[in-house]
Amino acid sequence: MPPPVAKKPLFPTTDDPIVSEPIQPATVVVIHPGSYNLRIGRASDAYPVSLPHCIARKIKSSPPRPQPSDWILRDECKACATLVDHFLNFQHPECGVQVKEGVKAVEELLLSRPTLTGEYRQLTPFKQLASFNKQAQPEKLERVCSQKWTNTEGSPPFFVGEEALYVSPKEGYQLSWPMRHGRLNIHDKPGGSLTAVLADLESIWSSAIYSQLQIPTKDLKHYRAVLLIPDIYTHKHVKAMVDLLLNNLGFEAVIVHQESVCATYGAGVTCACVVDIGDQKTSVCCVEDGISHKATRITMEYGGSDVSRCLHWLLRRSGASLPEINLNFAPGILQLMELKEAFCHLDQDRLGVRPHVMSVKLPQQNIIKYSLRLGDEMILSPLALFRPEALGLQGAHLIRTQPRSEGDPDDPHDEDYLRRTQRQSQQGRLKKDTADISRDTTDPGLTNMDDSMAPTNLEDDSNDVPENGDDLKRKMYSCLLLVGGGMGFEGAQTWLQYQVWMQMPVQHRMVLETMDVITRPKDMDSGLVSWKGAAILACLDSSQELWIRQKEWRQFSVRMLRERAPFIW
């Protein structure tokens, strides 16, 4: 009798079985890439190292002409030099009108909520403030800013992190951000191809691992990595980043997980509606027992940097032009961000006109001090996140949901393949049923079959949407987890709770006993919660089966993500 023929395995397997070994947290590097910050550290560290997620490369053209940064001045918000009605004259006329109407909507929102004493606020007169602030003369101090320009002696090919931000524009370096709005910064300008962006990521990550974690690149074969990705991701971008970690940097193995789920791990909650407000994007996702519901994911392409730009507009409306702050280059943007973090708030009970002393500190220049009077500008700018029309943004790209996979040649049995085979199967059954009915003439009632009995919409996605019953909705309403670094203002917790309460259906208001808004879980910075959750995940014994090893990736490529990712790929 001949030996039985071995069947081809249904799922990817390797020759070497997965050996369960205790996880050494010191040998696991957790990487959380963001639009502004890169948070990286060992899983054994209490907190990660945070550095600007940017790179400044030497311009090879002659003469070198660095392009202005589009970090804050987005294309639809760039303005001309003239002023119209205390606001900027934008490149497209709709934006200026939109900002004015949006600021009016934010002011109405501010007036609609009472203070703790039950009274309602009165708007501060910005025209009177403008007449005072325009007469205020800047004071040039003798003290020089301690921040220095980055030393470019020897003309290194690139700088990363904070060094990249403080390269003088005269030195001929171009500042680039490999991630924007929570995804890879692919664009049609120089350095905007996928290959160029991945090269920037490799340079930034390898430099950070070597300089901050003291791990040489040649030793990464003894380390594992945990990569955090956004809730709404692009499949080919995730594949490219995993390939970068395993093949280019040479990590032994990698785990990929979503930010929102890791945020619940870091906060120590099982069910929550996770609101992640970063520098350039705001995402909302409902997480239950470690699962991110696909139908609840939404990303809006605005965040903390847009609040900074709105603050700049409101300051100019109130006569505080601050001409030293140039939003075309990084030092001026960093100064504006410092002013936002120092003065902006969401405290409903802090009202009226107040004196403010603002100091502009630019590298190796004398500090310039302004004595100004400001009112509602400090609360209106962060409130613009609840009325985003005040941010002056336009376009259908501002709101994103999870797209379908575009397909991958390395993964023939992907979502698209299953969808097509299911449609062909349904069409085959429909043809067979139609043929049987036409042959059967004994029952005339069957020949008059109603068209509604036949499946007509073969592309229906209703099965993809979970049945979100009232019980699940109550769970999500009862726990709101606010993470990210874009909403770290005093009073953000009460404003978010108030806004959700006002939009909540009446039937849920009646049955909801409590609504917890968690902004600093375990007294931790809200921007570090997702990283901390990923570090916890890496140390769990149950995570052993999630690791994608280098040998497996080289053999099966993206199919390993379908088999090992802890979310539906």
Protein backbone atom coordinates (compact mmCIF):
# COMPACT_ATOMS: atom_id res chain seq x y z
CA MET A 1 0.00 0.00 0.00
CA PRO A 2 1.57 3.34 -1.00
CA PRO A 3 2.13 5.89 1.74
CA PRO A 4 -0.56 8.57 2.02
CA VAL A 5 0.12 11.82 0.20
CA ALA A 6 0.70 14.72 2.58
CA LYS A 7 -1.90 17.43 2.23
CA LYS A 8 -0.92 21.04 1.81
CA PRO A 9 -1.44 22.90 5.11
CA LEU A 10 -4.42 25.21 5.12
CA PHE A 11 -2.67 27.93 7.14
CA PRO A 12 0.96 29.13 7.06
CA THR A 13 3.24 27.00 9.19
CA THR A 14 6.94 26.93 9.82
CA ASP A 15 9.32 24.04 10.21
CA ASP A 16 10.20 25.14 13.72
CA PRO A 17 7.37 25.00 16.26
CA ILE A 18 6.74 28.09 18.35
CA VAL A 19 8.57 27.57 21.63
CA SER A 20 6.92 29.22 24.61
CA GLU A 21 9.62 31.12 26.47
CA PRO A 22 9.34 33.67 29.24
CA ILE A 23 9.23 37.18 27.83
CA GLN A 24 12.15 39.39 28.84
CA PRO A 25 10.68 42.92 28.90
CA ALA A 26 14.14 44.47 28.56
CA THR A 27 14.50 42.84 25.13
CA VAL A 28 11.21 44.22 23.76
CA VAL A 29 11.18 47.65 22.10
CA VAL A 30 7.75 49.33 22.00
CA ILE A 31 7.35 51.82 19.13
CA HIS A 32 4.43 54.25 18.98
CA PRO A 33 4.87 56.50 15.91
CA GLY A 34 2.71 59.61 15.76
CA SER A 35 2.28 62.64 13.56
CA TYR A 36 4.31 64.82 15.92
CA ASN A 37 5.83 62.58 18.59
CA LEU A 38 7.68 59.29 18.39
CA ARG A 39 7.35 57.43 21.68
CA ILE A 40 9.84 54.61 22.01
CA GLY A 41 11.26 52.58 24.86
CA ARG A 42 11.83 49.14 26.30
CA ALA A 43 8.82 47.30 27.70
CA SER A 44 10.59 47.29 31.07
CA ASP A 45 10.75 51.11 31.19
CA ALA A 46 8.26 53.02 33.30
CA TYR A 47 7.81 55.64 30.59
CA PRO A 48 8.96 55.96 26.98
CA VAL A 49 11.30 58.48 25.42
CA SER A 50 9.37 61.09 23.43
CA LEU A 51 11.00 62.99 20.59
CA PRO A 52 9.72 64.90 17.55
CA HIS A 53 8.98 62.44 14.75
CA CYS A 54 10.80 64.38 12.04
CA ILE A 55 14.00 64.43 10.02
CA ALA A 56 16.01 67.22 8.38
CA ARG A 57 17.96 66.05 5.32
CA LYS A 58 20.71 67.92 3.52
CA ILE A 59 19.47 69.44 0.27
CA LYS A 60 21.64 68.31 -2.64
CA SER A 61 20.52 70.95 -5.12
CA SER A 62 22.54 74.13 -5.60
CA PRO A 63 21.78 76.59 -4.21
CA PRO A 64 19.84 74.77 -1.45
CA ARG A 65 16.38 76.25 -0.96
CA PRO A 66 14.41 74.64 1.87
CA GLN A 67 10.66 74.74 1.41
CA PRO A 68 8.51 76.30 4.16
CA SER A 69 7.01 73.78 6.56
CA ASP A 70 3.36 72.84 6.04
CA TRP A 71 3.22 71.53 9.61
CA ILE A 72 0.55 74.02 10.76
CA LEU A 73 -0.17 76.07 7.62
CA ARG A 74 -2.19 73.50 5.72
CA ASP A 75 -2.79 74.21 2.04
CA GLU A 76 -6.43 75.21 2.51
CA CYS A 77 -5.49 77.54 5.38
CA LYS A 78 -2.55 79.43 3.91
CA ALA A 79 -3.22 83.14 3.72
CA CYS A 80 -2.17 86.20 1.81
CA ALA A 81 -0.45 89.13 3.45
CA THR A 82 -3.49 91.39 3.75
CA LEU A 83 -5.99 91.50 6.58
CA VAL A 84 -9.74 91.64 6.10
CA ASP A 85 -12.05 92.36 9.03
CA HIS A 86 -9.37 91.39 11.55
CA PHE A 87 -9.01 87.97 9.90
CA LEU A 88 -6.69 86.66 7.25
CA ASN A 89 -7.56 86.79 3.57
CA PHE A 90 -7.33 83.13 2.61
CA GLN A 91 -6.39 81.67 -0.75
CA HIS A 92 -9.95 80.49 -1.32
CA PRO A 93 -12.75 82.85 -0.28
CA GLU A 94 -14.90 80.21 1.39
CA CYS A 95 -12.31 79.58 4.09
CA GLY A 96 -12.40 83.10 5.49
CA VAL A 97 -16.19 83.08 5.70
CA GLN A 98 -16.11 79.60 7.20
CA VAL A 99 -13.68 80.64 9.95
CA LYS A 100 -15.78 83.66 10.90
CA GLU A 101 -18.96 81.61 11.06
CA GLY A 102 -17.12 78.85 12.91
CA VAL A 103 -15.78 81.23 15.55
CA LYS A 104 -19.30 82.57 15.99
CA ALA A 105 -20.54 78.99 16.53
CA VAL A 106 -17.79 78.42 19.12
CA GLU A 107 -18.81 81.61 20.92
CA GLU A 108 -22.43 80.43 21.00
CA LEU A 109 -21.27 77.12 22.42
CA LEU A 110 -19.33 78.93 25.12
CA LEU A 111 -22.38 81.01 26.04
CA SER A 112 -24.72 78.00 26.15
CA ARG A 113 -23.12 76.36 29.19
CA PRO A 114 -23.57 77.89 32.66
CA THR A 115 -20.78 78.35 35.16
CA LEU A 116 -20.69 76.68 38.57
CA THR A 117 -22.70 79.56 40.02
CA GLY A 118 -25.46 79.02 37.45
CA GLU A 119 -24.69 82.21 35.56
CA TYR A 120 -23.89 82.48 31.87
CA ARG A 121 -20.74 84.04 30.47
CA GLN A 122 -20.52 87.27 28.53
CA LEU A 123 -18.15 87.53 25.59
CA THR A 124 -15.13 89.74 26.00
CA PRO A 125 -15.00 92.67 23.51
CA PHE A 126 -12.19 91.74 21.15
CA LYS A 127 -12.29 95.11 19.37
CA GLN A 128 -11.50 96.96 22.59
CA LEU A 129 -8.75 94.45 23.33
CA ALA A 130 -7.34 95.00 19.84
CA SER A 131 -7.16 98.78 20.33
CA PHE A 132 -5.19 98.26 23.56
CA ASN A 133 -2.89 95.48 22.33
CA LYS A 134 -1.95 97.33 19.14
CA GLN A 135 -0.53 100.12 21.28
CA ALA A 136 1.47 97.71 23.46
CA GLN A 137 5.17 97.96 22.66
CA PRO A 138 7.35 94.84 22.81
CA GLU A 139 10.14 94.88 25.37
CA LYS A 140 13.47 93.48 24.24
CA LEU A 141 15.25 91.93 27.21
CA GLU A 142 18.98 91.73 27.63
CA ARG A 143 18.70 88.02 28.33
CA VAL A 144 19.40 85.78 25.34
CA CYS A 145 17.47 82.58 24.74
CA SER A 146 19.47 79.56 25.87
CA GLN A 147 18.24 77.45 22.96
CA LYS A 148 20.90 77.22 20.26
CA TRP A 149 20.77 76.34 16.60
CA THR A 150 21.85 72.80 15.77
CA ASN A 151 25.55 72.54 15.00
CA THR A 152 25.85 71.49 11.35
CA GLU A 153 29.65 71.39 11.22
CA GLY A 154 30.73 68.62 8.86
CA SER A 155 27.38 68.74 7.01
CA PRO A 156 25.88 65.45 8.27
CA PRO A 157 23.38 63.95 5.82
CA PHE A 158 20.49 64.30 8.27
CA PHE A 159 19.35 65.22 11.77
CA VAL A 160 16.41 63.70 13.63
CA GLY A 161 14.20 64.70 16.52
CA GLU A 162 14.72 68.00 18.29
CA GLU A 163 17.99 68.59 16.47
CA ALA A 164 16.07 68.57 13.18
CA LEU A 165 13.67 71.24 14.45
CA TYR A 166 16.46 73.64 15.34
CA VAL A 167 18.49 73.46 12.14
CA SER A 168 18.81 77.01 10.86
CA PRO A 169 16.96 77.64 7.56
CA LYS A 170 20.23 79.08 6.22
CA GLU A 171 22.03 75.72 6.47
CA GLY A 172 20.26 74.08 3.52
CA TYR A 173 18.33 71.28 5.24
CA GLN A 174 14.76 70.27 4.43
CA LEU A 175 12.51 69.33 7.36
CA SER A 176 10.20 66.37 6.71
CA TRP A 177 7.52 64.58 8.72
CA PRO A 178 7.09 60.93 7.65
CA MET A 179 3.63 60.75 9.26
CA ARG A 180 0.73 63.18 8.88
CA HIS A 181 -2.82 62.92 10.18
CA GLY A 182 -2.11 59.48 11.62
CA ARG A 183 -0.83 57.84 8.43
CA LEU A 184 2.26 57.83 6.23
CA ASN A 185 2.87 61.21 4.62
CA ILE A 186 2.62 60.21 0.96
CA HIS A 187 2.49 63.23 -1.36
CA ASP A 188 3.52 64.33 -4.85
CA LYS A 189 6.40 66.59 -3.78
CA PRO A 190 10.08 65.60 -3.48
CA GLY A 191 10.50 63.03 -0.71
CA GLY A 192 6.84 62.05 -0.77
CA SER A 193 7.05 58.56 -2.28
CA LEU A 194 6.48 55.47 -0.15
CA THR A 195 10.14 54.49 -0.55
CA ALA A 196 11.34 57.91 0.63
CA VAL A 197 8.97 57.97 3.61
CA LEU A 198 10.09 54.49 4.70
CA ALA A 199 13.72 55.60 4.41
CA ASP A 200 12.92 58.53 6.72
CA LEU A 201 11.24 56.17 9.20
CA GLU A 202 14.24 53.85 9.16
CA SER A 203 16.65 56.72 9.81
CA ILE A 204 14.55 58.18 12.64
CA TRP A 205 13.81 54.89 14.38
CA SER A 206 17.34 53.49 14.13
CA SER A 207 18.82 56.77 15.40
CA ALA A 208 16.37 56.89 18.31
CA ILE A 209 17.03 53.27 19.26
CA TYR A 210 20.77 53.85 19.23
CA SER A 211 20.89 57.28 20.92
CA GLN A 212 18.01 56.93 23.41
CA LEU A 213 18.00 53.19 24.19
CA GLN A 214 21.72 52.52 23.60
CA ILE A 215 21.00 49.54 21.35
CA PRO A 216 23.28 49.21 18.29
CA THR A 217 21.50 48.27 15.09
CA LYS A 218 23.58 45.10 14.76
CA ASP A 219 22.16 43.83 18.07
CA LEU A 220 18.49 44.23 17.10
CA LYS A 221 18.42 40.59 15.99
CA HIS A 222 18.24 39.75 19.71
CA TYR A 223 15.30 42.12 20.32
CA ARG A 224 11.60 42.06 19.58
CA ALA A 225 9.37 45.00 18.68
CA VAL A 226 5.76 46.00 19.35
CA LEU A 227 4.38 48.41 16.74
CA LEU A 228 1.29 50.51 17.43
CA ILE A 229 -0.81 51.43 14.42
CA PRO A 230 -3.85 53.74 14.13
CA ASP A 231 -7.35 52.33 14.45
CA ILE A 232 -7.99 53.24 10.81
CA TYR A 233 -5.00 51.97 8.89
CA THR A 234 -3.87 51.37 5.33
CA HIS A 235 -3.00 47.73 4.78
CA LYS A 236 -0.02 48.28 2.48
CA HIS A 237 1.44 50.87 4.88
CA VAL A 238 1.27 48.45 7.82
CA LYS A 239 2.88 45.76 5.68
CA ALA A 240 5.67 48.16 4.72
CA MET A 241 6.36 49.13 8.35
CA VAL A 242 6.46 45.50 9.49
CA ASP A 243 8.85 44.72 6.64
CA LEU A 244 10.96 47.69 7.75
CA LEU A 245 11.19 46.35 11.31
CA LEU A 246 11.93 42.73 10.42
CA ASN A 247 14.02 42.99 7.26
CA ASN A 248 15.64 46.45 7.32
CA LEU A 249 16.21 46.94 11.05
CA GLY A 250 16.50 43.20 11.71
CA PHE A 251 14.26 42.65 14.75
CA GLU A 252 13.76 39.03 15.77
CA ALA A 253 9.95 39.27 15.90
CA VAL A 254 7.18 41.84 15.94
CA ILE A 255 3.62 42.31 17.25
CA VAL A 256 1.25 44.79 15.60
CA HIS A 257 -1.71 46.19 17.51
CA GLN A 258 -4.12 49.12 17.39
CA GLU A 259 -3.74 52.27 19.48
CA SER A 260 -7.25 52.25 20.95
CA VAL A 261 -7.05 48.70 22.27
CA CYS A 262 -3.62 49.36 23.79
CA ALA A 263 -5.07 52.49 25.40
CA THR A 264 -7.62 50.36 27.28
CA TYR A 265 -4.80 48.07 28.44
CA GLY A 266 -2.84 51.06 29.69
CA ALA A 267 -5.85 52.55 31.47
CA GLY A 268 -6.91 49.24 33.00
CA VAL A 269 -10.46 49.21 31.60
CA THR A 270 -12.21 46.50 29.59
CA CYS A 271 -14.84 48.56 27.77
CA ALA A 272 -14.52 52.19 26.72
CA CYS A 273 -15.20 54.68 23.99
CA VAL A 274 -11.64 55.78 23.23
CA VAL A 275 -11.20 59.38 22.06
CA ASP A 276 -7.65 59.93 20.83
CA ILE A 277 -6.78 63.57 20.12
CA GLY A 278 -3.30 63.93 18.71
CA ASP A 279 -1.41 66.71 17.01
CA GLN A 280 -3.03 66.27 13.60
CA LYS A 281 -5.90 63.81 13.97
CA THR A 282 -8.78 62.94 16.26
CA SER A 283 -10.04 59.37 16.30
CA VAL A 284 -12.99 57.75 18.05
CA CYS A 285 -13.39 54.01 18.52
CA CYS A 286 -15.41 51.71 20.78
CA VAL A 287 -13.38 48.92 22.40
CA GLU A 288 -14.94 45.96 24.19
CA ASP A 289 -12.86 43.18 25.77
CA GLY A 290 -9.83 43.88 23.62
CA ILE A 291 -11.75 44.15 20.35
CA SER A 292 -12.04 47.37 18.36
CA HIS A 293 -15.46 47.45 16.68
CA LYS A 294 -14.82 48.21 13.02
CA ALA A 295 -18.18 49.93 12.51
CA THR A 296 -17.42 52.47 15.26
CA ARG A 297 -14.02 53.65 13.99
CA ILE A 298 -13.79 57.18 12.66
CA THR A 299 -10.84 59.52 12.18
CA MET A 300 -11.04 63.28 11.69
CA GLU A 301 -7.97 64.97 10.26
CA TYR A 302 -7.57 67.79 12.77
CA GLY A 303 -6.00 68.02 16.20
CA GLY A 304 -3.69 70.03 18.42
CA SER A 305 -1.77 71.76 15.63
CA ASP A 306 -5.03 73.11 14.23
CA VAL A 307 -5.86 74.48 17.69
CA SER A 308 -2.50 76.28 17.62
CA ARG A 309 -3.31 77.82 14.25
CA CYS A 310 -6.75 78.89 15.50
CA LEU A 311 -5.10 80.52 18.53
CA HIS A 312 -2.80 82.44 16.18
CA TRP A 313 -5.83 83.74 14.26
CA LEU A 314 -7.64 84.78 17.45
CA LEU A 315 -4.55 86.54 18.81
CA ARG A 316 -4.24 88.55 15.60
CA ARG A 317 -7.94 89.43 15.79
CA SER A 318 -7.31 90.80 19.29
CA GLY A 319 -4.36 92.90 18.15
CA ALA A 320 -1.61 90.56 19.39
CA SER A 321 0.15 89.96 16.09
CA LEU A 322 3.44 88.64 17.57
CA PRO A 323 5.38 89.25 14.33
CA GLU A 324 8.40 87.28 15.58
CA ILE A 325 6.40 84.04 15.35
CA ASN A 326 6.80 82.79 11.77
CA LEU A 327 4.58 79.78 11.13
CA ASN A 328 6.57 78.84 8.03
CA PHE A 329 9.45 77.47 10.12
CA ALA A 330 9.71 75.18 13.12
CA PRO A 331 11.07 77.56 15.83
CA GLY A 332 8.11 79.90 15.41
CA ILE A 333 5.65 77.01 15.50
CA LEU A 334 7.25 75.65 18.67
CA GLN A 335 6.88 79.07 20.29
CA LEU A 336 3.19 79.16 19.42
CA MET A 337 2.74 75.67 20.87
CA GLU A 338 4.42 76.76 24.10
CA LEU A 339 2.05 79.73 24.36
CA LYS A 340 -0.92 77.43 23.75
CA GLU A 341 0.15 74.98 26.45
CA ALA A 342 0.86 77.78 28.91
CA PHE A 343 -2.27 79.93 28.49
CA CYS A 344 -5.09 77.95 26.82
CA HIS A 345 -7.69 76.23 28.99
CA LEU A 346 -11.26 74.90 29.04
CA ASP A 347 -12.22 76.23 32.46
CA GLN A 348 -15.75 77.60 32.13
CA ASP A 349 -15.38 79.62 35.34
CA ARG A 350 -12.25 81.50 34.25
CA LEU A 351 -13.79 84.50 32.56
CA GLY A 352 -13.24 88.18 31.86
CA VAL A 353 -10.28 90.13 30.51
CA ARG A 354 -6.96 89.25 32.11
CA PRO A 355 -3.41 90.54 31.68
CA HIS A 356 -1.01 88.15 29.98
CA VAL A 357 2.76 88.41 29.70
CA MET A 358 3.98 86.48 26.68
CA SER A 359 7.67 85.91 26.02
CA VAL A 360 8.92 85.02 22.55
CA LYS A 361 12.11 82.96 22.73
CA LEU A 362 13.89 82.23 19.48
CA PRO A 363 17.28 80.45 19.26
CA GLN A 364 20.26 82.64 20.16
CA GLN A 365 18.16 85.83 20.11
CA ASN A 366 17.13 88.28 22.78
CA ILE A 367 13.89 87.39 24.53
CA ILE A 368 11.00 89.68 23.57
CA LYS A 369 8.24 90.28 26.12
CA TYR A 370 4.68 91.40 25.35
CA SER A 371 2.24 92.72 27.97
CA LEU A 372 -1.21 92.05 26.56
CA ARG A 373 -4.84 91.90 27.61
CA LEU A 374 -6.73 88.86 26.44
CA GLY A 375 -10.11 87.33 27.19
CA ASP A 376 -11.99 84.47 25.59
CA GLU A 377 -9.25 83.73 23.04
CA MET A 378 -7.67 81.28 25.47
CA ILE A 379 -10.80 79.11 25.72
CA LEU A 380 -12.21 79.60 22.22
CA SER A 381 -9.23 78.03 20.45
CA PRO A 382 -9.41 74.60 22.18
CA LEU A 383 -13.23 74.70 22.00
CA ALA A 384 -12.85 74.79 18.21
CA LEU A 385 -12.36 71.01 18.33
CA PHE A 386 -16.09 70.77 19.10
CA ARG A 387 -16.94 73.13 16.22
CA PRO A 388 -14.26 72.24 13.63
CA GLU A 389 -15.57 74.69 11.04
CA ALA A 390 -13.67 77.32 13.05
CA LEU A 391 -10.42 75.61 12.04
CA GLY A 392 -10.89 76.69 8.42
CA LEU A 393 -10.60 73.20 6.94
CA GLN A 394 -12.38 71.91 3.88
CA GLY A 395 -12.54 68.73 1.84
CA ALA A 396 -14.02 65.26 1.90
CA HIS A 397 -10.73 63.84 3.20
CA LEU A 398 -11.26 65.34 6.65
CA ILE A 399 -13.30 62.35 7.86
CA ARG A 400 -12.12 58.78 7.29
CA THR A 401 -13.51 55.35 8.08
CA GLN A 402 -11.84 51.98 7.70
CA PRO A 403 -11.40 51.30 3.96
CA ARG A 404 -11.47 47.89 2.41
CA SER A 405 -8.20 46.21 1.65
CA GLU A 406 -6.92 46.93 -1.85
CA GLY A 407 -5.61 43.40 -2.12
CA ASP A 408 -2.06 42.14 -2.02
CA PRO A 409 -0.31 39.69 -4.38
CA ASP A 410 1.38 38.06 -1.36
CA ASP A 411 -2.01 37.30 0.21
CA PRO A 412 -4.27 35.68 -2.40
CA HIS A 413 -6.91 34.64 0.16
CA ASP A 414 -7.53 38.16 1.41
CA GLU A 415 -10.79 39.98 2.05
CA ASP A 416 -11.29 40.78 -1.63
CA TYR A 417 -10.87 37.12 -2.60
CA LEU A 418 -13.39 35.97 0.01
CA ARG A 419 -15.86 38.62 -1.08
CA ARG A 420 -15.58 37.65 -4.76
CA THR A 421 -15.90 33.92 -4.10
CA GLN A 422 -18.91 34.54 -1.89
CA ARG A 423 -20.55 36.57 -4.67
CA GLN A 424 -19.84 33.86 -7.24
CA SER A 425 -21.29 31.25 -4.90
CA GLN A 426 -24.43 33.31 -4.40
CA GLN A 427 -24.80 33.85 -8.14
CA GLY A 428 -24.38 30.12 -8.76
CA ARG A 429 -27.06 29.24 -6.22
CA LEU A 430 -29.37 31.86 -7.72
CA LYS A 431 -28.97 30.42 -11.23
CA LYS A 432 -29.59 26.89 -9.94
CA ASP A 433 -32.74 27.94 -8.08
CA THR A 434 -34.03 29.78 -11.16
CA ALA A 435 -33.45 26.73 -13.35
CA ASP A 436 -35.24 24.44 -10.89
CA ILE A 437 -38.21 26.79 -10.75
CA SER A 438 -38.49 27.01 -14.55
CA ARG A 439 -38.53 23.20 -14.85
CA ASP A 440 -41.17 22.77 -12.16
CA THR A 441 -44.55 23.57 -13.76
CA THR A 442 -46.72 21.49 -11.45
CA ASP A 443 -47.23 24.34 -9.00
CA PRO A 444 -48.15 27.57 -10.81
CA GLY A 445 -47.70 29.54 -7.61
CA LEU A 446 -43.96 29.05 -7.76
CA THR A 447 -43.67 30.57 -11.22
CA ASN A 448 -44.88 33.88 -9.84
CA MET A 449 -42.16 34.13 -7.23
CA ASP A 450 -41.78 37.60 -5.76
CA ASP A 451 -38.53 39.34 -6.74
CA SER A 452 -37.98 40.23 -3.09
CA MET A 453 -37.22 36.57 -2.37
CA ALA A 454 -34.06 36.69 -4.47
CA PRO A 455 -30.83 38.21 -3.14
CA THR A 456 -30.35 41.40 -5.15
CA ASN A 457 -27.57 43.23 -3.29
CA LEU A 458 -24.56 40.97 -3.37
CA GLU A 459 -22.31 43.77 -2.12
CA ASP A 460 -24.28 44.25 1.10
CA ASP A 461 -22.01 44.98 4.06
CA SER A 462 -24.68 44.75 6.73
CA ASN A 463 -23.10 41.61 8.14
CA ASP A 464 -19.93 43.57 8.84
CA VAL A 465 -21.71 45.89 11.27
CA PRO A 466 -22.05 44.50 14.81
CA GLU A 467 -25.41 44.58 16.47
CA ASN A 468 -24.80 47.44 18.87
CA GLY A 469 -27.60 46.87 21.35
CA ASP A 470 -28.63 49.19 24.12
CA ASP A 471 -26.46 47.30 26.59
CA LEU A 472 -23.30 47.92 24.56
CA LYS A 473 -24.21 51.57 24.06
CA ARG A 474 -24.67 52.04 27.79
CA LYS A 475 -21.25 50.52 28.37
CA MET A 476 -19.64 52.93 25.93
CA TYR A 477 -21.50 55.96 27.25
CA SER A 478 -20.50 55.08 30.80
CA CYS A 479 -16.74 55.17 30.13
CA LEU A 480 -15.04 57.72 27.88
CA LEU A 481 -11.27 57.36 27.70
CA LEU A 482 -9.53 60.53 26.50
CA VAL A 483 -5.96 59.91 25.33
CA GLY A 484 -3.43 61.70 23.17
CA GLY A 485 -1.55 64.93 23.71
CA GLY A 486 -3.84 67.31 21.83
CA MET A 487 -6.44 67.92 24.55
CA GLY A 488 -4.38 68.33 27.70
CA PHE A 489 -6.22 71.46 28.81
CA GLU A 490 -7.68 72.19 32.21
CA GLY A 491 -11.41 71.49 32.11
CA ALA A 492 -11.34 69.17 29.07
CA GLN A 493 -12.99 66.38 31.05
CA THR A 494 -16.13 68.35 31.96
CA TRP A 495 -16.51 69.85 28.48
CA LEU A 496 -16.32 66.45 26.78
CA GLN A 497 -18.82 65.03 29.25
CA TYR A 498 -21.17 67.96 28.67
CA GLN A 499 -20.99 67.66 24.89
CA VAL A 500 -21.61 63.91 24.89
CA TRP A 501 -24.47 64.33 27.34
CA MET A 502 -26.14 66.93 25.12
CA GLN A 503 -25.86 64.70 22.03
CA MET A 504 -26.93 61.52 23.81
CA PRO A 505 -30.40 60.07 23.06
CA VAL A 506 -32.90 60.82 25.80
CA GLN A 507 -33.57 57.15 26.59
CA HIS A 508 -29.90 56.61 27.42
CA ARG A 509 -29.73 59.69 29.64
CA MET A 510 -32.48 58.25 31.83
CA VAL A 511 -30.88 54.83 32.36
CA LEU A 512 -27.26 55.95 32.56
CA GLU A 513 -26.23 56.13 36.19
CA THR A 514 -22.72 57.47 35.76
CA MET A 515 -20.48 58.70 32.97
CA ASP A 516 -16.78 58.45 33.70
CA VAL A 517 -14.46 60.56 31.58
CA ILE A 518 -10.91 59.31 32.15
CA THR A 519 -8.25 61.83 31.17
CA ARG A 520 -5.26 60.81 33.30
CA PRO A 521 -5.54 57.10 34.11
CA LYS A 522 -3.33 56.14 37.03
CA ASP A 523 -1.99 59.74 37.08
CA MET A 524 -0.29 59.09 33.75
CA ASP A 525 0.18 61.56 30.93
CA SER A 526 -2.66 60.92 28.49
CA GLY A 527 -0.20 60.85 25.60
CA LEU A 528 1.62 57.83 27.07
CA VAL A 529 -1.38 55.59 27.78
CA SER A 530 -1.32 53.66 24.49
CA TRP A 531 2.44 53.09 24.71
CA LYS A 532 2.08 51.80 28.27
CA GLY A 533 -0.68 49.43 27.21
CA ALA A 534 1.50 48.03 24.43
CA ALA A 535 4.32 47.48 26.94
CA ILE A 536 1.89 45.53 29.14
CA LEU A 537 0.74 43.50 26.14
CA ALA A 538 4.30 42.50 25.29
CA CYS A 539 4.79 40.95 28.74
CA LEU A 540 1.65 38.77 28.76
CA ASP A 541 2.02 35.01 28.34
CA SER A 542 -1.06 35.02 26.13
CA SER A 543 0.83 37.19 23.62
CA GLN A 544 3.20 34.38 22.68
CA GLU A 545 1.06 33.36 19.71
CA LEU A 546 0.94 36.93 18.38
CA TRP A 547 4.64 37.25 17.57
CA ILE A 548 5.54 37.27 13.88
CA ARG A 549 9.09 36.04 13.55
CA GLN A 550 11.52 37.20 10.90
CA LYS A 551 11.78 33.78 9.24
CA GLU A 552 7.99 33.48 9.04
CA TRP A 553 7.65 36.93 7.53
CA ARG A 554 10.23 36.22 4.84
CA GLN A 555 8.43 33.01 3.93
CA PHE A 556 4.77 34.05 4.12
CA SER A 557 4.89 37.87 4.15
CA VAL A 558 1.60 39.66 4.79
CA ARG A 559 -0.29 36.38 5.29
CA MET A 560 1.23 36.27 8.78
CA LEU A 561 -0.62 39.45 9.66
CA ARG A 562 -3.89 37.77 8.75
CA GLU A 563 -3.03 34.80 10.96
CA ARG A 564 -1.31 36.49 13.92
CA ALA A 565 -2.69 40.03 14.20
CA PRO A 566 -4.95 40.37 17.29
CA PHE A 567 -7.49 42.29 15.20
CA ILE A 568 -9.39 41.52 12.01
CA TRP A 569 -6.91 42.18 9.21
